Amino acid sequence: MKTYIFLSFLVLASSFVLVGKPPAGFSPIFNGKDLSGWWGLKTEDPAKWMNLSSEELKKKKKASIEDIKKHWTVKEGILINDGKGLYLSTEKNYKDFELLVDYKT
């Protein structure tokens, strides 16, 4: 069984900032413009949604995107959460990574 890690953010009334170009060897996961590449999840076992049929996963992602659009916004390159709704999670799964994050509460 492969182990995957997905990045999720639970942020109460805080923001993430895209500050310039990432350091050498790092790739940005937030484009500074919109919520592309993200969907929403609750606290749950990733194996549960990873084992859904493609149709069930598509339905889950669609509903989650509707939720995150209500509670997450991007303004002037800043990712903002109103303290409600689902966790923001990357669509891409990662493993063996270093994460650099700038945030303000």
PDB file of N, CA and C in Angstrom:
ATOM      1  N   MET A   1       0.841  -1.173   0.000  1.00  0.00           N
ATOM      2  CA  MET A   1       0.000   0.000   0.000  1.00  0.00           C
ATOM      3  C   MET A   1       0.894   1.247   0.000  1.00  0.00           C
ATOM      4  N   LYS A   2       0.637   2.154  -0.903  1.00  0.00           N
ATOM      5  CA  LYS A   2       1.396   3.396  -0.975  1.00  0.00           C
ATOM      6  C   LYS A   2       0.886   4.376   0.071  1.00  0.00           C
ATOM      7  N   THR A   3       1.787   5.156   0.605  1.00  0.00           N
ATOM      8  CA  THR A   3       1.413   6.193   1.552  1.00  0.00           C
ATOM      9  C   THR A   3       1.483   7.535   0.854  1.00  0.00           C
ATOM     10  N   TYR A   4       0.418   8.287   0.928  1.00  0.00           N
ATOM     11  CA  TYR A   4       0.364   9.608   0.319  1.00  0.00           C
ATOM     12  C   TYR A   4       0.091  10.648   1.389  1.00  0.00           C
ATOM     13  N   ILE A   5       0.602  11.812   1.165  1.00  0.00           N
ATOM     14  CA  ILE A   5       0.331  12.931   2.057  1.00  0.00           C
ATOM     15  C   ILE A   5      -0.304  14.022   1.210  1.00  0.00           C
ATOM     16  N   PHE A   6      -1.365  14.608   1.687  1.00  0.00           N
ATOM     17  CA  PHE A   6      -1.950  15.751   1.020  1.00  0.00           C
ATOM     18  C   PHE A   6      -1.839  16.919   1.992  1.00  0.00           C
ATOM     19  N   LEU A   7      -1.731  18.086   1.461  1.00  0.00           N
ATOM     20  CA  LEU A   7      -1.560  19.260   2.303  1.00  0.00           C
ATOM     21  C   LEU A   7      -2.907  19.885   2.580  1.00  0.00           C
ATOM     22  N   SER A   8      -3.201  20.077   3.838  1.00  0.00           N
ATOM     23  CA  SER A   8      -4.452  20.704   4.237  1.00  0.00           C
ATOM     24  C   SER A   8      -4.151  21.847   5.191  1.00  0.00           C
ATOM     25  N   PHE A   9      -4.973  22.845   5.111  1.00  0.00           N
ATOM     26  CA  PHE A   9      -4.813  23.984   5.987  1.00  0.00           C
ATOM     27  C   PHE A   9      -6.104  24.238   6.738  1.00  0.00           C
ATOM     28  N   LEU A  10      -6.028  24.242   8.048  1.00  0.00           N
ATOM     29  CA  LEU A  10      -7.134  24.691   8.884  1.00  0.00           C
ATOM     30  C   LEU A  10      -6.679  26.024   9.433  1.00  0.00           C
ATOM     31  N   VAL A  11      -7.336  27.055   9.015  1.00  0.00           N
ATOM     32  CA  VAL A  11      -6.911  28.381   9.409  1.00  0.00           C
ATOM     33  C   VAL A  11      -8.130  29.153   9.874  1.00  0.00           C
ATOM     34  N   LEU A  12      -8.069  29.642  11.074  1.00  0.00           N
ATOM     35  CA  LEU A  12      -9.163  30.437  11.596  1.00  0.00           C
ATOM     36  C   LEU A  12      -8.817  31.908  11.451  1.00  0.00           C
ATOM     37  N   ALA A  13      -9.570  32.596  10.617  1.00  0.00           N
ATOM     38  CA  ALA A  13      -9.397  34.027  10.393  1.00  0.00           C
ATOM     39  C   ALA A  13      -7.937  34.388  10.157  1.00  0.00           C
ATOM     40  N   SER A  14      -7.324  33.709   9.235  1.00  0.00           N
ATOM     41  CA  SER A  14      -5.932  34.010   8.922  1.00  0.00           C
ATOM     42  C   SER A  14      -5.736  34.058   7.416  1.00  0.00           C
ATOM     43  N   SER A  15      -4.513  34.262   6.993  1.00  0.00           N
ATOM     44  CA  SER A  15      -4.242  34.363   5.570  1.00  0.00           C
ATOM     45  C   SER A  15      -2.873  33.798   5.247  1.00  0.00           C
ATOM     46  N   PHE A  16      -2.724  33.351   4.014  1.00  0.00           N
ATOM     47  CA  PHE A  16      -1.450  32.884   3.502  1.00  0.00           C
ATOM     48  C   PHE A  16      -1.026  33.842   2.402  1.00  0.00           C
ATOM     49  N   VAL A  17       0.242  34.144   2.347  1.00  0.00           N
ATOM     50  CA  VAL A  17       0.739  35.138   1.408  1.00  0.00           C
ATOM     51  C   VAL A  17       1.728  34.497   0.452  1.00  0.00           C
ATOM     52  N   LEU A  18       1.584  34.796  -0.812  1.00  0.00           N
ATOM     53  CA  LEU A  18       2.566  34.385  -1.793  1.00  0.00           C
ATOM     54  C   LEU A  18       3.559  35.536  -1.910  1.00  0.00           C
ATOM     55  N   VAL A  19       4.768  35.303  -1.447  1.00  0.00           N
ATOM     56  CA  VAL A  19       5.767  36.369  -1.421  1.00  0.00           C
ATOM     57  C   VAL A  19       6.861  36.037  -2.431  1.00  0.00           C
ATOM     58  N   GLY A  20       6.804  36.675  -3.587  1.00  0.00           N
ATOM     59  CA  GLY A  20       7.848  36.505  -4.590  1.00  0.00           C
ATOM     60  C   GLY A  20       8.011  35.080  -5.076  1.00  0.00           C
ATOM     61  N   LYS A  21       9.171  34.828  -5.622  1.00  0.00           N
ATOM     62  CA  LYS A  21       9.505  33.528  -6.191  1.00  0.00           C
ATOM     63  C   LYS A  21      10.005  32.602  -5.079  1.00  0.00           C
ATOM     64  N   PRO A  22       9.600  31.319  -5.100  1.00  0.00           N
ATOM     65  CA  PRO A  22      10.086  30.412  -4.061  1.00  0.00           C
ATOM     66  C   PRO A  22      11.589  30.166  -4.206  1.00  0.00           C
ATOM     67  N   PRO A  23      12.245  29.769  -3.125  1.00  0.00           N
ATOM     68  CA  PRO A  23      13.681  29.475  -3.187  1.00  0.00           C
ATOM     69  C   PRO A  23      13.970  28.322  -4.153  1.00  0.00           C
ATOM     70  N   ALA A  24      15.196  28.215  -4.581  1.00  0.00           N
ATOM     71  CA  ALA A  24      15.612  27.134  -5.484  1.00  0.00           C
ATOM     72  C   ALA A  24      15.226  25.783  -4.880  1.00  0.00           C
ATOM     73  N   GLY A  25      14.668  24.910  -5.719  1.00  0.00           N
ATOM     74  CA  GLY A  25      14.272  23.587  -5.272  1.00  0.00           C
ATOM     75  C   GLY A  25      12.863  23.495  -4.739  1.00  0.00           C
ATOM     76  N   PHE A  26      12.179  24.627  -4.598  1.00  0.00           N
ATOM     77  CA  PHE A  26      10.803  24.642  -4.108  1.00  0.00           C
ATOM     78  C   PHE A  26       9.855  25.038  -5.231  1.00  0.00           C
ATOM     79  N   SER A  27       8.651  24.492  -5.182  1.00  0.00           N
ATOM     80  CA  SER A  27       7.605  24.826  -6.143  1.00  0.00           C
ATOM     81  C   SER A  27       6.423  25.411  -5.384  1.00  0.00           C
ATOM     82  N   PRO A  28       5.822  26.475  -5.903  1.00  0.00           N
ATOM     83  CA  PRO A  28       4.662  27.052  -5.203  1.00  0.00           C
ATOM     84  C   PRO A  28       3.450  26.135  -5.319  1.00  0.00           C
ATOM     85  N   ILE A  29       2.663  26.052  -4.252  1.00  0.00           N
ATOM     86  CA  ILE A  29       1.411  25.292  -4.302  1.00  0.00           C
ATOM     87  C   ILE A  29       0.209  26.229  -4.361  1.00  0.00           C
ATOM     88  N   PHE A  30       0.450  27.512  -4.182  1.00  0.00           N
ATOM     89  CA  PHE A  30      -0.589  28.542  -4.281  1.00  0.00           C
ATOM     90  C   PHE A  30      -0.148  29.529  -5.350  1.00  0.00           C
ATOM     91  N   ASN A  31      -1.024  29.787  -6.334  1.00  0.00           N
ATOM     92  CA  ASN A  31      -0.647  30.645  -7.457  1.00  0.00           C
ATOM     93  C   ASN A  31      -0.815  32.139  -7.186  1.00  0.00           C
ATOM     94  N   GLY A  32      -1.368  32.506  -6.034  1.00  0.00           N
ATOM     95  CA  GLY A  32      -1.530  33.916  -5.697  1.00  0.00           C
ATOM     96  C   GLY A  32      -2.693  34.600  -6.394  1.00  0.00           C
ATOM     97  N   LYS A  33      -3.461  33.848  -7.183  1.00  0.00           N
ATOM     98  CA  LYS A  33      -4.553  34.446  -7.960  1.00  0.00           C
ATOM     99  C   LYS A  33      -5.929  33.878  -7.640  1.00  0.00           C
ATOM    100  N   ASP A  34      -6.003  32.553  -7.476  1.00  0.00           N
ATOM    101  CA  ASP A  34      -7.302  31.918  -7.285  1.00  0.00           C
ATOM    102  C   ASP A  34      -7.120  30.585  -6.558  1.00  0.00           C
ATOM    103  N   LEU A  35      -8.193  29.819  -6.445  1.00  0.00           N
ATOM    104  CA  LEU A  35      -8.174  28.556  -5.715  1.00  0.00           C
ATOM    105  C   LEU A  35      -7.891  27.353  -6.608  1.00  0.00           C
ATOM    106  N   SER A  36      -7.326  27.580  -7.782  1.00  0.00           N
ATOM    107  CA  SER A  36      -6.974  26.483  -8.676  1.00  0.00           C
ATOM    108  C   SER A  36      -6.015  25.527  -7.977  1.00  0.00           C
ATOM    109  N   GLY A  37      -6.253  24.231  -8.134  1.00  0.00           N
ATOM    110  CA  GLY A  37      -5.387  23.227  -7.532  1.00  0.00           C
ATOM    111  C   GLY A  37      -5.757  22.864  -6.103  1.00  0.00           C
ATOM    112  N   TRP A  38      -6.872  23.391  -5.624  1.00  0.00           N
ATOM    113  CA  TRP A  38      -7.303  23.146  -4.254  1.00  0.00           C
ATOM    114  C   TRP A  38      -8.736  22.620  -4.222  1.00  0.00           C
ATOM    115  N   TRP A  39      -9.054  21.863  -3.193  1.00  0.00           N
ATOM    116  CA  TRP A  39     -10.412  21.426  -2.912  1.00  0.00           C
ATOM    117  C   TRP A  39     -10.556  21.352  -1.404  1.00  0.00           C
ATOM    118  N   GLY A  40     -11.724  21.012  -0.897  1.00  0.00           N
ATOM    119  CA  GLY A  40     -11.953  21.029   0.537  1.00  0.00           C
ATOM    120  C   GLY A  40     -12.143  19.648   1.127  1.00  0.00           C
ATOM    121  N   LEU A  41     -11.655  19.489   2.359  1.00  0.00           N
ATOM    122  CA  LEU A  41     -11.824  18.234   3.098  1.00  0.00           C
ATOM    123  C   LEU A  41     -12.116  18.530   4.559  1.00  0.00           C
ATOM    124  N   LYS A  42     -12.787  17.595   5.195  1.00  0.00           N
ATOM    125  CA  LYS A  42     -12.950  17.614   6.646  1.00  0.00           C
ATOM    126  C   LYS A  42     -11.765  16.851   7.226  1.00  0.00           C
ATOM    127  N   THR A  43     -11.712  16.743   8.555  1.00  0.00           N
ATOM    128  CA  THR A  43     -10.738  15.851   9.168  1.00  0.00           C
ATOM    129  C   THR A  43     -11.238  14.443   8.897  1.00  0.00           C
ATOM    130  N   GLU A  44     -10.520  13.715   8.070  1.00  0.00           N
ATOM    131  CA  GLU A  44     -10.962  12.379   7.703  1.00  0.00           C
ATOM    132  C   GLU A  44      -9.775  11.552   7.239  1.00  0.00           C
ATOM    133  N   ASP A  45      -9.957  10.276   7.213  1.00  0.00           N
ATOM    134  CA  ASP A  45      -8.932   9.357   6.759  1.00  0.00           C
ATOM    135  C   ASP A  45      -8.825   9.473   5.235  1.00  0.00           C
ATOM    136  N   PRO A  46      -7.667   9.867   4.711  1.00  0.00           N
ATOM    137  CA  PRO A  46      -7.518  10.008   3.258  1.00  0.00           C
ATOM    138  C   PRO A  46      -7.815   8.717   2.499  1.00  0.00           C
ATOM    139  N   ALA A  47      -7.593   7.575   3.123  1.00  0.00           N
ATOM    140  CA  ALA A  47      -7.852   6.298   2.450  1.00  0.00           C
ATOM    141  C   ALA A  47      -9.322   6.171   2.063  1.00  0.00           C
ATOM    142  N   LYS A  48     -10.218   6.796   2.847  1.00  0.00           N
ATOM    143  CA  LYS A  48     -11.651   6.709   2.545  1.00  0.00           C
ATOM    144  C   LYS A  48     -11.973   7.377   1.215  1.00  0.00           C
ATOM    145  N   TRP A  49     -11.475   8.611   1.001  1.00  0.00           N
ATOM    146  CA  TRP A  49     -11.808   9.275  -0.263  1.00  0.00           C
ATOM    147  C   TRP A  49     -10.925   8.796  -1.402  1.00  0.00           C
ATOM    148  N   MET A  50      -9.748   8.274  -1.090  1.00  0.00           N
ATOM    149  CA  MET A  50      -8.884   7.757  -2.152  1.00  0.00           C
ATOM    150  C   MET A  50      -9.443   6.453  -2.726  1.00  0.00           C
ATOM    151  N   ASN A  51     -10.304   5.763  -1.963  1.00  0.00           N
ATOM    152  CA  ASN A  51     -10.899   4.517  -2.420  1.00  0.00           C
ATOM    153  C   ASN A  51     -12.285   4.697  -3.039  1.00  0.00           C
ATOM    154  N   LEU A  52     -12.738   5.944  -3.153  1.00  0.00           N
ATOM    155  CA  LEU A  52     -14.024   6.197  -3.803  1.00  0.00           C
ATOM    156  C   LEU A  52     -13.919   5.924  -5.298  1.00  0.00           C
ATOM    157  N   SER A  53     -15.044   5.614  -5.907  1.00  0.00           N
ATOM    158  CA  SER A  53     -15.059   5.485  -7.366  1.00  0.00           C
ATOM    159  C   SER A  53     -14.783   6.859  -7.961  1.00  0.00           C
ATOM    160  N   SER A  54     -14.381   6.906  -9.204  1.00  0.00           N
ATOM    161  CA  SER A  54     -14.084   8.197  -9.831  1.00  0.00           C
ATOM    162  C   SER A  54     -15.313   9.098  -9.833  1.00  0.00           C
ATOM    163  N   GLU A  55     -16.495   8.528 -10.004  1.00  0.00           N
ATOM    164  CA  GLU A  55     -17.730   9.323 -10.002  1.00  0.00           C
ATOM    165  C   GLU A  55     -18.025   9.869  -8.610  1.00  0.00           C
ATOM    166  N   GLU A  56     -17.843   9.044  -7.574  1.00  0.00           N
ATOM    167  CA  GLU A  56     -18.080   9.500  -6.199  1.00  0.00           C
ATOM    168  C   GLU A  56     -17.068  10.575  -5.798  1.00  0.00           C
ATOM    169  N   LEU A  57     -15.804  10.398  -6.203  1.00  0.00           N
ATOM    170  CA  LEU A  57     -14.771  11.387  -5.882  1.00  0.00           C
ATOM    171  C   LEU A  57     -15.058  12.703  -6.595  1.00  0.00           C
ATOM    172  N   LYS A  58     -15.492  12.633  -7.838  1.00  0.00           N
ATOM    173  CA  LYS A  58     -15.840  13.838  -8.595  1.00  0.00           C
ATOM    174  C   LYS A  58     -16.968  14.590  -7.895  1.00  0.00           C
ATOM    175  N   LYS A  59     -17.976  13.877  -7.418  1.00  0.00           N
ATOM    176  CA  LYS A  59     -19.106  14.481  -6.706  1.00  0.00           C
ATOM    177  C   LYS A  59     -18.635  15.120  -5.396  1.00  0.00           C
ATOM    178  N   LYS A  60     -17.766  14.427  -4.654  1.00  0.00           N
ATOM    179  CA  LYS A  60     -17.227  14.952  -3.393  1.00  0.00           C
ATOM    180  C   LYS A  60     -16.420  16.227  -3.642  1.00  0.00           C
ATOM    181  N   LYS A  61     -15.572  16.219  -4.667  1.00  0.00           N
ATOM    182  CA  LYS A  61     -14.755  17.395  -4.969  1.00  0.00           C
ATOM    183  C   LYS A  61     -15.629  18.575  -5.387  1.00  0.00           C
ATOM    184  N   LYS A  62     -16.649  18.316  -6.201  1.00  0.00           N
ATOM    185  CA  LYS A  62     -17.536  19.389  -6.649  1.00  0.00           C
ATOM    186  C   LYS A  62     -18.225  20.050  -5.456  1.00  0.00           C
ATOM    187  N   ALA A  63     -18.752  19.255  -4.534  1.00  0.00           N
ATOM    188  CA  ALA A  63     -19.412  19.805  -3.346  1.00  0.00           C
ATOM    189  C   ALA A  63     -18.415  20.572  -2.477  1.00  0.00           C
ATOM    190  N   SER A  64     -17.188  20.059  -2.378  1.00  0.00           N
ATOM    191  CA  SER A  64     -16.187  20.731  -1.539  1.00  0.00           C
ATOM    192  C   SER A  64     -15.769  22.067  -2.132  1.00  0.00           C
ATOM    193  N   ILE A  65     -15.681  22.138  -3.439  1.00  0.00           N
ATOM    194  CA  ILE A  65     -15.293  23.391  -4.095  1.00  0.00           C
ATOM    195  C   ILE A  65     -16.366  24.455  -3.872  1.00  0.00           C
ATOM    196  N   GLU A  66     -17.637  24.048  -3.887  1.00  0.00           N
ATOM    197  CA  GLU A  66     -18.716  24.991  -3.581  1.00  0.00           C
ATOM    198  C   GLU A  66     -18.550  25.541  -2.171  1.00  0.00           C
ATOM    199  N   ASP A  67     -18.161  24.681  -1.226  1.00  0.00           N
ATOM    200  CA  ASP A  67     -17.957  25.115   0.151  1.00  0.00           C
ATOM    201  C   ASP A  67     -16.753  26.045   0.270  1.00  0.00           C
ATOM    202  N   ILE A  68     -15.627  25.693  -0.321  1.00  0.00           N
ATOM    203  CA  ILE A  68     -14.442  26.537  -0.149  1.00  0.00           C
ATOM    204  C   ILE A  68     -14.611  27.903  -0.809  1.00  0.00           C
ATOM    205  N   LYS A  69     -15.402  27.972  -1.864  1.00  0.00           N
ATOM    206  CA  LYS A  69     -15.650  29.276  -2.488  1.00  0.00           C
ATOM    207  C   LYS A  69     -16.439  30.205  -1.569  1.00  0.00           C
ATOM    208  N   LYS A  70     -17.169  29.638  -0.608  1.00  0.00           N
ATOM    209  CA  LYS A  70     -17.914  30.445   0.364  1.00  0.00           C
ATOM    210  C   LYS A  70     -17.011  30.975   1.477  1.00  0.00           C
ATOM    211  N   HIS A  71     -15.936  30.243   1.786  1.00  0.00           N
ATOM    212  CA  HIS A  71     -15.141  30.551   2.975  1.00  0.00           C
ATOM    213  C   HIS A  71     -13.683  30.923   2.700  1.00  0.00           C
ATOM    214  N   TRP A  72     -13.216  30.720   1.497  1.00  0.00           N
ATOM    215  CA  TRP A  72     -11.837  31.047   1.120  1.00  0.00           C
ATOM    216  C   TRP A  72     -11.854  32.028  -0.041  1.00  0.00           C
ATOM    217  N   THR A  73     -11.013  33.054   0.038  1.00  0.00           N
ATOM    218  CA  THR A  73     -10.896  34.019  -1.050  1.00  0.00           C
ATOM    219  C   THR A  73      -9.425  34.351  -1.259  1.00  0.00           C
ATOM    220  N   VAL A  74      -9.152  34.975  -2.400  1.00  0.00           N
ATOM    221  CA  VAL A  74      -7.801  35.452  -2.695  1.00  0.00           C
ATOM    222  C   VAL A  74      -7.914  36.942  -2.962  1.00  0.00           C
ATOM    223  N   LYS A  75      -7.132  37.725  -2.247  1.00  0.00           N
ATOM    224  CA  LYS A  75      -7.132  39.173  -2.428  1.00  0.00           C
ATOM    225  C   LYS A  75      -5.691  39.661  -2.391  1.00  0.00           C
ATOM    226  N   GLU A  76      -5.270  40.315  -3.460  1.00  0.00           N
ATOM    227  CA  GLU A  76      -3.922  40.871  -3.564  1.00  0.00           C
ATOM    228  C   GLU A  76      -2.852  39.832  -3.254  1.00  0.00           C
ATOM    229  N   GLY A  77      -3.031  38.610  -3.790  1.00  0.00           N
ATOM    230  CA  GLY A  77      -2.053  37.554  -3.602  1.00  0.00           C
ATOM    231  C   GLY A  77      -2.111  36.869  -2.258  1.00  0.00           C
ATOM    232  N   ILE A  78      -3.146  37.172  -1.471  1.00  0.00           N
ATOM    233  CA  ILE A  78      -3.274  36.605  -0.134  1.00  0.00           C
ATOM    234  C   ILE A  78      -4.460  35.647  -0.105  1.00  0.00           C
ATOM    235  N   LEU A  79      -4.243  34.473   0.423  1.00  0.00           N
ATOM    236  CA  LEU A  79      -5.274  33.460   0.583  1.00  0.00           C
ATOM    237  C   LEU A  79      -5.921  33.683   1.947  1.00  0.00           C
ATOM    238  N   ILE A  80      -7.239  33.949   1.957  1.00  0.00           N
ATOM    239  CA  ILE A  80      -7.943  34.352   3.174  1.00  0.00           C
ATOM    240  C   ILE A  80      -9.082  33.382   3.477  1.00  0.00           C
ATOM    241  N   ASN A  81      -9.169  32.993   4.750  1.00  0.00           N
ATOM    242  CA  ASN A  81     -10.251  32.140   5.232  1.00  0.00           C
ATOM    243  C   ASN A  81     -11.050  32.894   6.285  1.00  0.00           C
ATOM    244  N   ASP A  82     -12.377  32.691   6.276  1.00  0.00           N
ATOM    245  CA  ASP A  82     -13.233  33.385   7.244  1.00  0.00           C
ATOM    246  C   ASP A  82     -13.379  32.632   8.569  1.00  0.00           C
ATOM    247  N   GLY A  83     -12.623  31.549   8.735  1.00  0.00           N
ATOM    248  CA  GLY A  83     -12.694  30.773   9.968  1.00  0.00           C
ATOM    249  C   GLY A  83     -13.754  29.696   9.947  1.00  0.00           C
ATOM    250  N   LYS A  84     -14.392  29.518   8.795  1.00  0.00           N
ATOM    251  CA  LYS A  84     -15.464  28.526   8.673  1.00  0.00           C
ATOM    252  C   LYS A  84     -15.192  27.617   7.486  1.00  0.00           C
ATOM    253  N   GLY A  85     -16.004  26.590   7.349  1.00  0.00           N
ATOM    254  CA  GLY A  85     -15.945  25.727   6.176  1.00  0.00           C
ATOM    255  C   GLY A  85     -14.894  24.637   6.270  1.00  0.00           C
ATOM    256  N   LEU A  86     -14.673  24.006   5.128  1.00  0.00           N
ATOM    257  CA  LEU A  86     -13.751  22.885   5.019  1.00  0.00           C
ATOM    258  C   LEU A  86     -12.298  23.339   5.068  1.00  0.00           C
ATOM    259  N   TYR A  87     -11.422  22.396   5.359  1.00  0.00           N
ATOM    260  CA  TYR A  87      -9.991  22.644   5.257  1.00  0.00           C
ATOM    261  C   TYR A  87      -9.653  22.772   3.775  1.00  0.00           C
ATOM    262  N   LEU A  88      -8.714  23.582   3.451  1.00  0.00           N
ATOM    263  CA  LEU A  88      -8.255  23.728   2.076  1.00  0.00           C
ATOM    264  C   LEU A  88      -7.150  22.702   1.858  1.00  0.00           C
ATOM    265  N   SER A  89      -7.291  21.861   0.835  1.00  0.00           N
ATOM    266  CA  SER A  89      -6.358  20.767   0.577  1.00  0.00           C
ATOM    267  C   SER A  89      -5.906  20.780  -0.870  1.00  0.00           C
ATOM    268  N   THR A  90      -4.661  20.434  -1.088  1.00  0.00           N
ATOM    269  CA  THR A  90      -4.147  20.383  -2.454  1.00  0.00           C
ATOM    270  C   THR A  90      -4.788  19.228  -3.212  1.00  0.00           C
ATOM    271  N   GLU A  91      -5.020  19.434  -4.501  1.00  0.00           N
ATOM    272  CA  GLU A  91      -5.514  18.345  -5.340  1.00  0.00           C
ATOM    273  C   GLU A  91      -4.421  17.306  -5.559  1.00  0.00           C
ATOM    274  N   LYS A  92      -3.183  17.778  -5.610  1.00  0.00           N
ATOM    275  CA  LYS A  92      -2.049  16.883  -5.822  1.00  0.00           C
ATOM    276  C   LYS A  92      -1.633  16.267  -4.492  1.00  0.00           C
ATOM    277  N   ASN A  93      -1.290  14.985  -4.522  1.00  0.00           N
ATOM    278  CA  ASN A  93      -0.754  14.306  -3.341  1.00  0.00           C
ATOM    279  C   ASN A  93       0.761  14.439  -3.345  1.00  0.00           C
ATOM    280  N   TYR A  94       1.339  14.601  -2.162  1.00  0.00           N
ATOM    281  CA  TYR A  94       2.785  14.780  -2.016  1.00  0.00           C
ATOM    282  C   TYR A  94       3.327  13.744  -1.043  1.00  0.00           C
ATOM    283  N   LYS A  95       4.625  13.455  -1.170  1.00  0.00           N
ATOM    284  CA  LYS A  95       5.308  12.690  -0.146  1.00  0.00           C
ATOM    285  C   LYS A  95       6.765  13.116  -0.130  1.00  0.00           C
ATOM    286  N   ASP A  96       7.396  12.971   1.019  1.00  0.00           N
ATOM    287  CA  ASP A  96       8.793  13.380   1.197  1.00  0.00           C
ATOM    288  C   ASP A  96       9.002  14.820   0.757  1.00  0.00           C
ATOM    289  N   PHE A  97       8.416  15.763   1.487  1.00  0.00           N
ATOM    290  CA  PHE A  97       8.499  17.160   1.091  1.00  0.00           C
ATOM    291  C   PHE A  97       8.857  18.052   2.273  1.00  0.00           C
ATOM    292  N   GLU A  98       9.357  19.219   1.945  1.00  0.00           N
ATOM    293  CA  GLU A  98       9.545  20.298   2.908  1.00  0.00           C
ATOM    294  C   GLU A  98       8.538  21.368   2.537  1.00  0.00           C
ATOM    295  N   LEU A  99       7.915  21.968   3.517  1.00  0.00           N
ATOM    296  CA  LEU A  99       6.902  22.983   3.278  1.00  0.00           C
ATOM    297  C   LEU A  99       7.338  24.289   3.927  1.00  0.00           C
ATOM    298  N   LEU A 100       7.441  25.326   3.120  1.00  0.00           N
ATOM    299  CA  LEU A 100       7.711  26.670   3.632  1.00  0.00           C
ATOM    300  C   LEU A 100       6.397  27.435   3.589  1.00  0.00           C
ATOM    301  N   VAL A 101       5.979  27.990   4.724  1.00  0.00           N
ATOM    302  CA  VAL A 101       4.697  28.695   4.812  1.00  0.00           C
ATOM    303  C   VAL A 101       4.904  30.026   5.522  1.00  0.00           C
ATOM    304  N   ASP A 102       4.351  31.084   4.946  1.00  0.00           N
ATOM    305  CA  ASP A 102       4.242  32.369   5.617  1.00  0.00           C
ATOM    306  C   ASP A 102       2.765  32.558   5.915  1.00  0.00           C
ATOM    307  N   TYR A 103       2.433  32.826   7.164  1.00  0.00           N
ATOM    308  CA  TYR A 103       1.033  33.074   7.477  1.00  0.00           C
ATOM    309  C   TYR A 103       0.893  34.136   8.548  1.00  0.00           C
ATOM    310  N   LYS A 104      -0.288  34.691   8.601  1.00  0.00           N
ATOM    311  CA  LYS A 104      -0.593  35.730   9.573  1.00  0.00           C
ATOM    312  C   LYS A 104      -1.943  35.404  10.192  1.00  0.00           C
ATOM    313  N   THR A 105      -1.999  35.393  11.523  1.00  0.00           N
ATOM    314  CA  THR A 105      -3.254  35.118  12.212  1.00  0.00           C
ATOM    315  C   THR A 105      -3.853  36.419  12.687  1.00  0.00           C
TER     316      THR A 105
END
